[in-house]
Amino acid sequence: MYKHILIATDGSDLAVQAVTQGLALAMALKAKVTAVTVTESWVAAAPSYGIMTFPIEDYELGVAAHAEKVLASVVNAAKAAGIHCDVVHVRDQFPAEGIAATAAARGCDLIIVASHGRRGLSRLFIGGEAYRLMGETKVPVLIIR
């Protein structure tokens, strides 16, 4: 069935559920696993933090440290389950685009991602990366809610 699963995570509690489900599926299928976390560019993130109060150097250091922590937790969970897991930190991209590009570059045949399940106006205004991801990739996407 699936031979290489890409698990997308941002380190949130909801994403941890996707990691847990993804690792369980990978173990059952004896599939290869890659975990990815994507961080947006400073330009995309700066308006929400305030350009003057959040210098680019601090942003870059912060996202690198966060990504390392997030991916280390996935590696540790995979190791506890007896699964080898490669990790990728995609920088300066929107999440859906970075996840889709990683799946294509790594030859993944399934993407697992968490979703808040927002609908209607909240999805329109707050966004829905899982929904955007489905438009960015031809790889099947398993959404964990």
C-alpha atoms as a PDB file:
ATOM      1  CA  MET A   1       0.000   0.000   0.000  1.00  0.00           C
ATOM      2  CA  TYR A   2       1.842   3.142   1.156  1.00  0.00           C
ATOM      3  CA  LYS A   3       5.627   2.905   1.183  1.00  0.00           C
ATOM      4  CA  HIS A   4       6.750   6.416   2.203  1.00  0.00           C
ATOM      5  CA  ILE A   5       4.644   8.560   4.523  1.00  0.00           C
ATOM      6  CA  LEU A   6       5.247  12.271   5.012  1.00  0.00           C
ATOM      7  CA  ILE A   7       4.026  13.532   8.380  1.00  0.00           C
ATOM      8  CA  ALA A   8       3.626  17.307   8.591  1.00  0.00           C
ATOM      9  CA  THR A   9       3.837  18.940  11.999  1.00  0.00           C
ATOM     10  CA  ASP A  10       4.070  22.364  13.548  1.00  0.00           C
ATOM     11  CA  GLY A  11       4.487  21.042  17.081  1.00  0.00           C
ATOM     12  CA  SER A  12       0.970  21.933  18.203  1.00  0.00           C
ATOM     13  CA  ASP A  13      -1.095  19.529  20.314  1.00  0.00           C
ATOM     14  CA  LEU A  14      -3.251  18.807  17.285  1.00  0.00           C
ATOM     15  CA  ALA A  15      -0.200  18.052  15.142  1.00  0.00           C
ATOM     16  CA  VAL A  16       1.083  15.653  17.806  1.00  0.00           C
ATOM     17  CA  GLN A  17      -2.065  13.592  17.200  1.00  0.00           C
ATOM     18  CA  ALA A  18      -1.212  13.460  13.490  1.00  0.00           C
ATOM     19  CA  VAL A  19       2.331  12.357  14.341  1.00  0.00           C
ATOM     20  CA  THR A  20       1.003   9.607  16.613  1.00  0.00           C
ATOM     21  CA  GLN A  21      -1.457   8.374  13.981  1.00  0.00           C
ATOM     22  CA  GLY A  22       1.133   8.641  11.214  1.00  0.00           C
ATOM     23  CA  LEU A  23       3.709   6.630  13.108  1.00  0.00           C
ATOM     24  CA  ALA A  24       1.145   3.967  13.978  1.00  0.00           C
ATOM     25  CA  LEU A  25       0.142   3.673  10.317  1.00  0.00           C
ATOM     26  CA  ALA A  26       3.790   3.566   9.216  1.00  0.00           C
ATOM     27  CA  MET A  27       4.491   0.796  11.702  1.00  0.00           C
ATOM     28  CA  ALA A  28       1.500  -1.241  10.519  1.00  0.00           C
ATOM     29  CA  LEU A  29       2.480  -0.794   6.866  1.00  0.00           C
ATOM     30  CA  LYS A  30       6.242  -1.019   7.451  1.00  0.00           C
ATOM     31  CA  ALA A  31       6.492   2.261   5.562  1.00  0.00           C
ATOM     32  CA  LYS A  32       9.351   4.734   5.496  1.00  0.00           C
ATOM     33  CA  VAL A  33       8.653   7.992   7.375  1.00  0.00           C
ATOM     34  CA  THR A  34       9.722  11.566   6.836  1.00  0.00           C
ATOM     35  CA  ALA A  35       8.561  14.362   9.132  1.00  0.00           C
ATOM     36  CA  VAL A  36       8.415  17.938   7.897  1.00  0.00           C
ATOM     37  CA  THR A  37       7.878  21.276   9.526  1.00  0.00           C
ATOM     38  CA  VAL A  38       7.570  24.443   7.491  1.00  0.00           C
ATOM     39  CA  THR A  39       8.297  27.986   8.597  1.00  0.00           C
ATOM     40  CA  GLU A  40       7.175  31.039   6.731  1.00  0.00           C
ATOM     41  CA  SER A  41       9.553  33.807   5.764  1.00  0.00           C
ATOM     42  CA  TRP A  42      10.108  36.724   8.092  1.00  0.00           C
ATOM     43  CA  VAL A  43       8.331  38.994   5.612  1.00  0.00           C
ATOM     44  CA  ALA A  44       5.176  36.866   5.840  1.00  0.00           C
ATOM     45  CA  ALA A  45       5.339  36.603   9.637  1.00  0.00           C
ATOM     46  CA  ALA A  46       6.573  40.114  10.481  1.00  0.00           C
ATOM     47  CA  PRO A  47       3.262  41.976  10.093  1.00  0.00           C
ATOM     48  CA  SER A  48       1.742  39.906  12.883  1.00  0.00           C
ATOM     49  CA  TYR A  49       4.728  40.521  15.185  1.00  0.00           C
ATOM     50  CA  GLY A  50       5.631  44.063  14.246  1.00  0.00           C
ATOM     51  CA  ILE A  51       8.675  44.671  12.087  1.00  0.00           C
ATOM     52  CA  MET A  52      10.441  47.017  14.481  1.00  0.00           C
ATOM     53  CA  THR A  53      10.004  44.808  17.533  1.00  0.00           C
ATOM     54  CA  PHE A  54      11.063  41.536  15.932  1.00  0.00           C
ATOM     55  CA  PRO A  55      14.318  41.741  13.941  1.00  0.00           C
ATOM     56  CA  ILE A  56      14.908  39.215  11.175  1.00  0.00           C
ATOM     57  CA  GLU A  57      17.925  37.679  12.957  1.00  0.00           C
ATOM     58  CA  ASP A  58      15.826  36.939  16.049  1.00  0.00           C
ATOM     59  CA  TYR A  59      13.084  35.498  13.883  1.00  0.00           C
ATOM     60  CA  GLU A  60      15.482  33.185  12.023  1.00  0.00           C
ATOM     61  CA  LEU A  61      17.039  31.950  15.272  1.00  0.00           C
ATOM     62  CA  GLY A  62      13.616  31.439  16.827  1.00  0.00           C
ATOM     63  CA  VAL A  63      12.140  29.433  13.959  1.00  0.00           C
ATOM     64  CA  ALA A  64      15.272  27.303  13.643  1.00  0.00           C
ATOM     65  CA  ALA A  65      15.182  26.467  17.352  1.00  0.00           C
ATOM     66  CA  HIS A  66      11.449  25.746  17.233  1.00  0.00           C
ATOM     67  CA  ALA A  67      11.802  23.531  14.153  1.00  0.00           C
ATOM     68  CA  GLU A  68      14.652  21.604  15.766  1.00  0.00           C
ATOM     69  CA  LYS A  69      12.558  21.028  18.897  1.00  0.00           C
ATOM     70  CA  VAL A  70       9.477  19.963  16.907  1.00  0.00           C
ATOM     71  CA  LEU A  71      11.392  17.558  14.686  1.00  0.00           C
ATOM     72  CA  ALA A  72      13.372  16.116  17.606  1.00  0.00           C
ATOM     73  CA  SER A  73      10.112  15.220  19.328  1.00  0.00           C
ATOM     74  CA  VAL A  74       8.982  13.329  16.214  1.00  0.00           C
ATOM     75  CA  VAL A  75      12.313  11.498  15.980  1.00  0.00           C
ATOM     76  CA  ASN A  76      12.026  10.531  19.651  1.00  0.00           C
ATOM     77  CA  ALA A  77       8.453   9.261  19.194  1.00  0.00           C
ATOM     78  CA  ALA A  78       9.508   7.301  16.112  1.00  0.00           C
ATOM     79  CA  LYS A  79      12.512   5.845  17.908  1.00  0.00           C
ATOM     80  CA  ALA A  80      10.265   4.746  20.796  1.00  0.00           C
ATOM     81  CA  ALA A  81       8.062   2.973  18.235  1.00  0.00           C
ATOM     82  CA  GLY A  82      11.079   1.357  16.579  1.00  0.00           C
ATOM     83  CA  ILE A  83      10.759   3.399  13.388  1.00  0.00           C
ATOM     84  CA  HIS A  84      13.490   5.352  11.607  1.00  0.00           C
ATOM     85  CA  CYS A  85      12.315   8.843  10.701  1.00  0.00           C
ATOM     86  CA  ASP A  86      14.033  11.373   8.445  1.00  0.00           C
ATOM     87  CA  VAL A  87      13.277  15.028   9.148  1.00  0.00           C
ATOM     88  CA  VAL A  88      13.081  18.141   6.990  1.00  0.00           C
ATOM     89  CA  HIS A  89      12.783  21.796   7.966  1.00  0.00           C
ATOM     90  CA  VAL A  90      11.496  23.815   5.030  1.00  0.00           C
ATOM     91  CA  ARG A  91      12.221  27.510   5.443  1.00  0.00           C
ATOM     92  CA  ASP A  92      10.636  30.553   3.878  1.00  0.00           C
ATOM     93  CA  GLN A  93       7.558  28.906   2.391  1.00  0.00           C
ATOM     94  CA  PHE A  94       3.897  28.762   3.207  1.00  0.00           C
ATOM     95  CA  PRO A  95       3.060  25.461   4.936  1.00  0.00           C
ATOM     96  CA  ALA A  96       0.922  23.888   2.204  1.00  0.00           C
ATOM     97  CA  GLU A  97       3.477  24.693  -0.485  1.00  0.00           C
ATOM     98  CA  GLY A  98       6.429  23.477   1.572  1.00  0.00           C
ATOM     99  CA  ILE A  99       4.685  20.234   2.506  1.00  0.00           C
ATOM    100  CA  ALA A 100       3.661  19.526  -1.101  1.00  0.00           C
ATOM    101  CA  ALA A 101       7.160  20.276  -2.405  1.00  0.00           C
ATOM    102  CA  THR A 102       8.741  18.010   0.208  1.00  0.00           C
ATOM    103  CA  ALA A 103       6.362  15.152  -0.615  1.00  0.00           C
ATOM    104  CA  ALA A 104       7.230  15.470  -4.300  1.00  0.00           C
ATOM    105  CA  ALA A 105      10.983  15.777  -3.727  1.00  0.00           C
ATOM    106  CA  ARG A 106      11.086  12.817  -1.348  1.00  0.00           C
ATOM    107  CA  GLY A 107       8.793  10.546  -3.378  1.00  0.00           C
ATOM    108  CA  CYS A 108       6.193  10.251  -0.645  1.00  0.00           C
ATOM    109  CA  ASP A 109       2.978   8.455  -1.499  1.00  0.00           C
ATOM    110  CA  LEU A 110       0.890   9.684   1.474  1.00  0.00           C
ATOM    111  CA  ILE A 111       0.836  12.930   3.435  1.00  0.00           C
ATOM    112  CA  ILE A 112      -0.547  13.032   6.961  1.00  0.00           C
ATOM    113  CA  VAL A 113      -1.499  16.416   8.378  1.00  0.00           C
ATOM    114  CA  ALA A 114      -3.683  17.709  11.211  1.00  0.00           C
ATOM    115  CA  SER A 115      -6.606  20.057  10.733  1.00  0.00           C
ATOM    116  CA  HIS A 116      -8.755  22.080  13.079  1.00  0.00           C
ATOM    117  CA  GLY A 117     -11.694  21.313  10.809  1.00  0.00           C
ATOM    118  CA  ARG A 118     -12.690  24.950  10.387  1.00  0.00           C
ATOM    119  CA  ARG A 119     -15.496  25.658   7.971  1.00  0.00           C
ATOM    120  CA  GLY A 120     -17.199  28.610   6.419  1.00  0.00           C
ATOM    121  CA  LEU A 121     -15.959  32.092   7.236  1.00  0.00           C
ATOM    122  CA  SER A 122     -13.457  30.960   9.869  1.00  0.00           C
ATOM    123  CA  ARG A 123     -11.663  28.837   7.248  1.00  0.00           C
ATOM    124  CA  LEU A 124     -11.804  31.726   4.807  1.00  0.00           C
ATOM    125  CA  PHE A 125     -10.344  34.254   7.249  1.00  0.00           C
ATOM    126  CA  ILE A 126      -8.159  32.104   9.512  1.00  0.00           C
ATOM    127  CA  GLY A 127      -7.147  29.722   6.773  1.00  0.00           C
ATOM    128  CA  GLY A 128      -7.023  26.036   6.286  1.00  0.00           C
ATOM    129  CA  GLU A 129      -3.582  24.706   5.451  1.00  0.00           C
ATOM    130  CA  ALA A 130      -4.887  21.150   5.059  1.00  0.00           C
ATOM    131  CA  TYR A 131      -7.430  22.421   2.523  1.00  0.00           C
ATOM    132  CA  ARG A 132      -4.733  24.405   0.701  1.00  0.00           C
ATOM    133  CA  LEU A 133      -2.461  21.365   0.711  1.00  0.00           C
ATOM    134  CA  MET A 134      -5.025  19.309  -1.174  1.00  0.00           C
ATOM    135  CA  GLY A 135      -4.893  21.894  -3.955  1.00  0.00           C
ATOM    136  CA  GLU A 136      -1.090  21.902  -4.025  1.00  0.00           C
ATOM    137  CA  THR A 137      -0.391  18.179  -4.344  1.00  0.00           C
ATOM    138  CA  LYS A 138      -1.410  15.084  -6.244  1.00  0.00           C
ATOM    139  CA  VAL A 139      -0.259  12.899  -3.342  1.00  0.00           C
ATOM    140  CA  PRO A 140      -3.142  11.558  -1.212  1.00  0.00           C
ATOM    141  CA  VAL A 141      -3.640  13.516   2.025  1.00  0.00           C
ATOM    142  CA  LEU A 142      -4.869  11.921   5.243  1.00  0.00           C
ATOM    143  CA  ILE A 143      -6.283  14.630   7.499  1.00  0.00           C
ATOM    144  CA  ILE A 144      -6.350  13.994  11.238  1.00  0.00           C
ATOM    145  CA  ARG A 145      -8.921  16.030  13.165  1.00  0.00           C
END
